[in-house]
Amino acid sequence: MRGSGGEMHRALDRFMVPLSLGIAAFAFHGCGSGGAGSNPTTVPPVTIGPSGGVFDDGSGVKVTVPAQALSSNVQISAMRTNAPAGSGYGALSNLYDFQPAGLTFSQPVTITLPLPSGAPPNVTIYWSQKGNSAGYDDANGVVTGSSISAQVTHFSTGFVGTLLSMANWVHVAHPYWNYWKPTDQWIGTESRSGIDISSPTGDADAAFAFVYGPLVPTTVDQAEAAVEQIFTSFAIVSQSAVGLGPYGGPTRSTEFTAVWTATHNAVHGKFTVDLGYQTFDAHLTMANTAVWPEMTRTLQLISDHITYCAGGTCGP
């Protein structure tokens, strides 16, 4: 059992009481839309067909099209512009324009852009949404040397930006020790501990909770039900197979959509339960559905930084 007395921390309550998830979305949806800009760098288009091919402007902008991604020959081009990216994305570059606009691919194509000098570790590529050129989604950019790449299935505009910083997230870790409390959800448990980090606007949350005691769940289904009870309209999006957890017991991860009971907000999230002898861990990340696509990688970064409480110190 980790910690004792005041060293134990209580994030499970964040599963049991309102989180104040605000529906107001982060200001992620910027106003950049087109690829127009003064004096853009242009390179002649390349004809690419069903056998695939590569457009390369010779200075870091590349489009790699696999075989069967196109059903006929298409003139593919990419152009650096002087148009600024939308606000709210931590933009590190101006817009890049990919043509023909609106082109869709049967298989993902790889977009490669030059990595701006001094880019932070949480860099990514933002790609305009299909049918909504003013909105951008995190395309899960992967850094390789001095470039960053991502896979997309349609053309329009994109830019290099940063995932939301964790610096201003609210860290909640209330010291708590409990043997018996009739109002608790976990009657007879010996302790609760955990860490909860929430976005400044309350739209997203990453939490770790630890429960120890003879009455904790003994099966994965029971443990998952304990998490699911704080939601309504719970629906599984995907679920892993049951595996062996860190305490020698079963573990399983679930991606879900639901309504947060306390606030009636629609959320999208993932949780993992780990079971051991009289031990139950729950790891939860969730965001309101409006920002989940942009937030998933940031939430994972936060979750990776959450550590177990020890000696009264918790934190990312």
Protein backbone atom coordinates (compact mmCIF):
# COMPACT_ATOMS: atom_id res chain seq x y z
CA MET A 1 0.00 0.00 0.00
CA ARG A 2 1.48 3.35 -1.03
CA GLY A 3 1.75 6.04 1.62
CA SER A 4 -0.03 6.38 4.92
CA GLY A 5 -1.96 8.98 6.89
CA GLY A 6 -1.49 12.44 5.43
CA GLU A 7 0.72 10.98 2.73
CA MET A 8 -2.28 9.39 1.05
CA HIS A 9 -4.05 11.51 -1.52
CA ARG A 10 -7.55 11.44 -2.82
CA ALA A 11 -8.27 11.66 -6.52
CA LEU A 12 -11.02 9.05 -6.42
CA ASP A 13 -13.33 11.77 -5.16
CA ARG A 14 -12.84 13.37 -8.54
CA PHE A 15 -14.68 10.30 -9.81
CA MET A 16 -17.44 10.80 -7.24
CA VAL A 17 -18.07 14.55 -7.18
CA PRO A 18 -18.57 17.19 -9.90
CA LEU A 19 -15.47 17.98 -11.88
CA SER A 20 -16.84 21.26 -13.24
CA LEU A 21 -16.28 20.18 -16.80
CA GLY A 22 -17.14 23.30 -18.77
CA ILE A 23 -18.65 22.85 -22.16
CA ALA A 24 -17.01 26.03 -23.43
CA ALA A 25 -14.37 24.63 -25.78
CA PHE A 26 -10.76 25.66 -25.76
CA ALA A 27 -9.97 28.35 -28.31
CA PHE A 28 -8.54 25.73 -30.62
CA HIS A 29 -10.62 26.58 -33.67
CA GLY A 30 -8.68 29.36 -35.27
CA CYS A 31 -9.65 31.56 -38.16
CA GLY A 32 -7.01 30.52 -40.70
CA SER A 33 -8.68 29.06 -43.74
CA GLY A 34 -6.98 29.43 -47.04
CA GLY A 35 -3.48 29.01 -48.32
CA ALA A 36 -3.34 32.49 -49.76
CA GLY A 37 -0.41 34.61 -48.74
CA SER A 38 1.91 37.09 -50.32
CA ASN A 39 4.92 35.77 -52.22
CA PRO A 40 4.44 32.06 -51.45
CA THR A 41 7.17 29.60 -52.33
CA THR A 42 5.88 27.54 -55.26
CA VAL A 43 7.20 24.39 -56.90
CA PRO A 44 5.64 22.87 -60.03
CA PRO A 45 3.08 20.13 -59.30
CA VAL A 46 3.90 16.44 -59.70
CA THR A 47 1.58 13.99 -61.41
CA ILE A 48 0.85 11.06 -59.12
CA GLY A 49 -1.47 8.19 -59.92
CA PRO A 50 -2.57 4.77 -58.66
CA SER A 51 1.01 3.51 -58.40
CA GLY A 52 1.86 6.23 -55.89
CA GLY A 53 4.62 8.80 -55.85
CA VAL A 54 6.29 11.69 -54.04
CA PHE A 55 6.05 15.45 -54.24
CA ASP A 56 9.17 17.11 -52.79
CA ASP A 57 9.79 20.85 -52.91
CA GLY A 58 13.48 20.32 -52.12
CA SER A 59 13.41 22.29 -48.87
CA GLY A 60 11.58 20.07 -46.44
CA VAL A 61 7.99 19.94 -47.71
CA LYS A 62 7.07 16.50 -48.94
CA VAL A 63 3.94 14.50 -49.80
CA THR A 64 4.37 10.72 -49.99
CA VAL A 65 1.44 8.98 -51.68
CA PRO A 66 1.31 5.16 -51.38
CA ALA A 67 0.05 2.88 -54.12
CA GLN A 68 -3.74 2.65 -54.46
CA ALA A 69 -4.33 5.87 -52.54
CA LEU A 70 -5.49 7.48 -55.80
CA SER A 71 -7.66 5.93 -58.50
CA SER A 72 -6.39 8.21 -61.28
CA ASN A 73 -3.61 10.67 -62.06
CA VAL A 74 -3.72 13.89 -60.03
CA GLN A 75 -1.53 16.99 -60.08
CA ILE A 76 -0.17 17.15 -56.51
CA SER A 77 1.42 20.29 -55.14
CA ALA A 78 2.29 21.87 -51.81
CA MET A 79 3.09 25.52 -51.18
CA ARG A 80 4.52 27.45 -48.27
CA THR A 81 2.55 30.63 -47.69
CA ASN A 82 2.90 33.80 -45.69
CA ALA A 83 -0.58 33.39 -44.25
CA PRO A 84 -0.52 33.02 -40.45
CA ALA A 85 -2.01 29.95 -38.82
CA GLY A 86 -5.13 30.24 -36.68
CA SER A 87 -4.80 31.42 -33.11
CA GLY A 88 -5.00 29.04 -30.17
CA TYR A 89 -2.77 26.30 -31.57
CA GLY A 90 0.64 27.54 -30.50
CA ALA A 91 1.58 27.91 -34.17
CA LEU A 92 5.27 27.60 -35.00
CA SER A 93 4.88 28.11 -38.75
CA ASN A 94 2.66 29.82 -41.28
CA LEU A 95 0.14 27.86 -43.28
CA TYR A 96 1.14 25.29 -45.87
CA ASP A 97 -1.32 24.89 -48.74
CA PHE A 98 -1.84 21.46 -50.34
CA GLN A 99 -3.57 21.09 -53.67
CA PRO A 100 -5.94 20.18 -55.09
CA ALA A 101 -8.02 21.34 -52.13
CA GLY A 102 -10.65 18.82 -51.07
CA LEU A 103 -8.82 15.85 -52.59
CA THR A 104 -9.42 12.65 -50.61
CA PHE A 105 -7.26 9.54 -50.53
CA SER A 106 -8.24 5.89 -50.24
CA GLN A 107 -5.23 5.32 -47.99
CA PRO A 108 -3.38 7.74 -45.69
CA VAL A 109 -0.63 9.80 -47.29
CA THR A 110 2.36 11.12 -45.37
CA ILE A 111 2.90 14.86 -45.07
CA THR A 112 6.38 16.01 -44.07
CA LEU A 113 7.20 19.56 -43.00
CA PRO A 114 10.44 21.16 -41.79
CA LEU A 115 10.69 21.35 -38.02
CA PRO A 116 11.04 24.97 -36.90
CA SER A 117 14.19 25.79 -35.00
CA GLY A 118 13.75 25.56 -31.23
CA ALA A 119 10.49 23.59 -31.46
CA PRO A 120 9.44 22.17 -28.05
CA PRO A 121 8.94 18.44 -27.40
CA ASN A 122 5.15 18.74 -27.61
CA VAL A 123 5.22 19.79 -31.25
CA THR A 124 2.72 18.40 -33.77
CA ILE A 125 1.12 19.05 -37.16
CA TYR A 126 -2.33 20.61 -37.25
CA TRP A 127 -4.43 19.71 -40.30
CA SER A 128 -7.58 21.44 -41.49
CA GLN A 129 -10.80 19.53 -40.96
CA LYS A 130 -12.56 18.02 -43.92
CA GLY A 131 -15.37 20.36 -44.92
CA ASN A 132 -14.30 22.98 -42.36
CA SER A 133 -11.16 24.79 -43.45
CA ALA A 134 -11.32 27.09 -40.42
CA GLY A 135 -10.96 24.23 -37.92
CA TYR A 136 -7.81 22.19 -37.31
CA ASP A 137 -7.15 18.82 -35.71
CA ASP A 138 -3.97 17.41 -34.23
CA ALA A 139 -2.63 15.03 -36.90
CA ASN A 140 -0.27 13.27 -34.45
CA GLY A 141 2.96 14.61 -35.87
CA VAL A 142 6.10 12.51 -35.42
CA VAL A 143 9.50 14.22 -35.28
CA THR A 144 12.41 12.69 -37.17
CA GLY A 145 15.59 14.76 -37.10
CA SER A 146 14.83 18.19 -38.51
CA SER A 147 11.40 17.31 -39.91
CA ILE A 148 7.96 16.36 -38.65
CA SER A 149 5.53 14.03 -40.43
CA ALA A 150 1.88 13.02 -40.12
CA GLN A 151 -0.60 10.92 -42.05
CA VAL A 152 -3.72 12.50 -43.55
CA THR A 153 -6.57 11.38 -45.78
CA HIS A 154 -7.56 14.67 -47.43
CA PHE A 155 -6.00 17.86 -48.70
CA SER A 156 -6.30 21.46 -47.64
CA THR A 157 -3.98 23.36 -45.29
CA GLY A 158 -1.73 22.55 -42.34
CA PHE A 159 0.94 23.99 -40.10
CA VAL A 160 3.36 23.09 -37.33
CA GLY A 161 2.07 23.89 -33.85
CA THR A 162 2.26 22.79 -30.23
CA LEU A 163 0.01 20.71 -28.06
CA LEU A 164 -1.54 22.46 -25.11
CA SER A 165 1.02 23.14 -22.40
CA MET A 166 0.54 21.42 -19.06
CA ALA A 167 2.03 24.37 -17.18
CA ASN A 168 -1.28 25.94 -16.12
CA TRP A 169 -3.25 22.80 -15.42
CA VAL A 170 -4.74 22.61 -11.94
CA HIS A 171 -3.16 19.93 -9.79
CA VAL A 172 -5.47 18.54 -7.09
CA ALA A 173 -4.15 16.16 -4.43
CA HIS A 174 -6.09 16.36 -1.16
CA PRO A 175 -4.57 14.50 1.81
CA TYR A 176 -7.10 11.99 3.02
CA TRP A 177 -7.32 8.85 5.16
CA ASN A 178 -10.44 6.79 5.65
CA TYR A 179 -11.36 3.57 7.44
CA TRP A 180 -15.13 3.89 7.48
CA LYS A 181 -17.45 6.57 6.31
CA PRO A 182 -21.09 5.71 5.52
CA THR A 183 -21.43 8.41 2.86
CA ASP A 184 -18.53 7.05 0.83
CA GLN A 185 -19.01 5.05 -2.33
CA TRP A 186 -16.34 2.65 -1.13
CA ILE A 187 -17.65 1.47 2.24
CA GLY A 188 -14.98 -0.33 4.24
CA THR A 189 -12.01 0.64 2.15
CA GLU A 190 -8.88 1.45 4.09
CA SER A 191 -7.51 4.22 1.96
CA ARG A 192 -7.91 6.39 -1.07
CA SER A 193 -5.19 8.19 -2.88
CA GLY A 194 -4.54 9.76 -6.21
CA ILE A 195 -3.79 12.72 -8.36
CA ASP A 196 -6.10 14.76 -10.53
CA ILE A 197 -4.95 17.33 -13.06
CA SER A 198 -7.61 19.41 -14.79
CA SER A 199 -7.46 21.91 -17.64
CA PRO A 200 -7.65 25.61 -16.73
CA THR A 201 -11.10 25.86 -18.32
CA GLY A 202 -12.33 22.57 -16.93
CA ASP A 203 -12.86 20.94 -20.32
CA ALA A 204 -10.48 18.02 -19.79
CA ASP A 205 -9.12 15.91 -16.98
CA ALA A 206 -6.44 13.29 -16.29
CA ALA A 207 -6.75 11.38 -13.01
CA PHE A 208 -5.21 8.50 -11.15
CA ALA A 209 -7.02 6.88 -8.23
CA PHE A 210 -5.90 4.16 -5.84
CA VAL A 211 -8.19 2.24 -3.51
CA TYR A 212 -7.07 -0.35 -0.98
CA GLY A 213 -9.24 -2.55 1.19
CA PRO A 214 -11.02 -5.89 1.49
CA LEU A 215 -14.15 -4.69 -0.32
CA VAL A 216 -12.56 -3.37 -3.50
CA PRO A 217 -13.63 -5.04 -6.77
CA THR A 218 -12.22 -8.48 -7.47
CA THR A 219 -12.97 -8.68 -11.20
CA VAL A 220 -12.31 -6.39 -14.15
CA ASP A 221 -16.05 -6.10 -14.82
CA GLN A 222 -16.71 -4.95 -11.24
CA ALA A 223 -13.84 -2.45 -11.36
CA GLU A 224 -15.04 -1.02 -14.66
CA ALA A 225 -18.59 -0.76 -13.31
CA ALA A 226 -17.25 1.38 -10.46
CA VAL A 227 -15.93 3.88 -12.98
CA GLU A 228 -18.91 3.65 -15.31
CA GLN A 229 -21.36 4.48 -12.50
CA ILE A 230 -20.37 8.13 -12.61
CA PHE A 231 -21.62 8.39 -16.20
CA THR A 232 -24.89 7.95 -18.04
CA SER A 233 -25.37 7.00 -21.68
CA PHE A 234 -22.10 5.10 -21.39
CA ALA A 235 -21.01 3.52 -24.69
CA ILE A 236 -17.81 1.60 -25.41
CA VAL A 237 -15.88 2.79 -28.46
CA SER A 238 -13.11 0.21 -28.18
CA GLN A 239 -11.74 -2.11 -25.51
CA SER A 240 -8.48 -4.00 -25.14
CA ALA A 241 -8.20 -7.66 -24.21
CA VAL A 242 -7.75 -8.46 -20.52
CA GLY A 243 -4.05 -8.57 -19.70
CA LEU A 244 -1.74 -8.93 -16.72
CA GLY A 245 -1.52 -5.75 -14.64
CA PRO A 246 1.33 -4.30 -12.55
CA TYR A 247 0.06 -5.99 -9.37
CA GLY A 248 -0.24 -9.43 -10.90
CA GLY A 249 -3.98 -9.09 -11.42
CA PRO A 250 -6.08 -8.41 -14.50
CA THR A 251 -6.09 -5.10 -16.35
CA ARG A 252 -8.09 -3.68 -19.25
CA SER A 253 -8.38 -0.35 -21.07
CA THR A 254 -11.62 1.11 -22.43
CA GLU A 255 -12.29 4.03 -24.75
CA PHE A 256 -15.80 5.40 -24.26
CA THR A 257 -18.30 8.14 -24.85
CA ALA A 258 -20.76 9.12 -22.13
CA VAL A 259 -22.52 11.89 -20.27
CA TRP A 260 -20.86 13.09 -17.06
CA THR A 261 -23.58 12.64 -14.44
CA ALA A 262 -22.61 15.58 -12.26
CA THR A 263 -22.60 18.18 -15.03
CA HIS A 264 -24.62 16.56 -17.84
CA ASN A 265 -21.77 17.25 -20.25
CA ALA A 266 -20.99 14.88 -23.12
CA VAL A 267 -17.46 13.51 -22.77
CA HIS A 268 -15.09 11.23 -24.66
CA GLY A 269 -12.37 9.43 -22.80
CA LYS A 270 -10.32 6.39 -21.88
CA PHE A 271 -9.79 4.56 -18.61
CA THR A 272 -7.69 1.64 -17.45
CA VAL A 273 -8.33 -0.51 -14.38
CA ASP A 274 -5.58 -2.51 -12.65
CA LEU A 275 -6.46 -5.08 -9.99
CA GLY A 276 -4.30 -6.75 -7.36
CA TYR A 277 -4.85 -8.30 -3.95
CA GLN A 278 -7.31 -5.90 -2.26
CA THR A 279 -6.01 -3.21 -4.62
CA PHE A 280 -7.75 -1.26 -7.34
CA ASP A 281 -6.19 1.42 -9.53
CA ALA A 282 -8.14 3.49 -12.05
CA HIS A 283 -6.51 5.76 -14.62
CA LEU A 284 -8.96 8.12 -16.33
CA THR A 285 -8.50 10.70 -19.06
CA MET A 286 -11.48 12.51 -20.57
CA ALA A 287 -12.52 15.71 -22.29
CA ASN A 288 -15.75 17.14 -23.55
CA THR A 289 -16.47 15.86 -27.02
CA ALA A 290 -15.80 19.24 -28.66
CA VAL A 291 -12.11 19.19 -27.77
CA TRP A 292 -11.33 15.47 -27.43
CA PRO A 293 -9.71 15.14 -30.90
CA GLU A 294 -7.24 17.91 -30.10
CA MET A 295 -6.74 16.91 -26.48
CA THR A 296 -5.99 13.19 -26.62
CA ARG A 297 -2.23 13.50 -27.01
CA THR A 298 -1.96 16.25 -24.41
CA LEU A 299 -3.96 14.14 -21.98
CA GLN A 300 -1.63 11.23 -22.62
CA LEU A 301 1.38 13.43 -21.92
CA ILE A 302 -0.19 14.46 -18.62
CA SER A 303 -1.12 10.90 -17.74
CA ASP A 304 2.45 9.79 -18.43
CA HIS A 305 3.70 12.44 -16.00
CA ILE A 306 1.39 11.53 -13.16
CA THR A 307 3.32 9.65 -10.52
CA TYR A 308 2.23 7.78 -7.43
CA CYS A 309 2.04 9.79 -4.23
CA ALA A 310 4.94 9.24 -1.87
CA GLY A 311 6.01 11.14 1.20
CA GLY A 312 3.20 13.62 0.78
CA THR A 313 4.47 14.72 -2.65
CA CYS A 314 2.52 14.10 -5.80
CA GLY A 315 2.81 15.67 -9.19
CA PRO A 316 3.51 15.49 -12.84
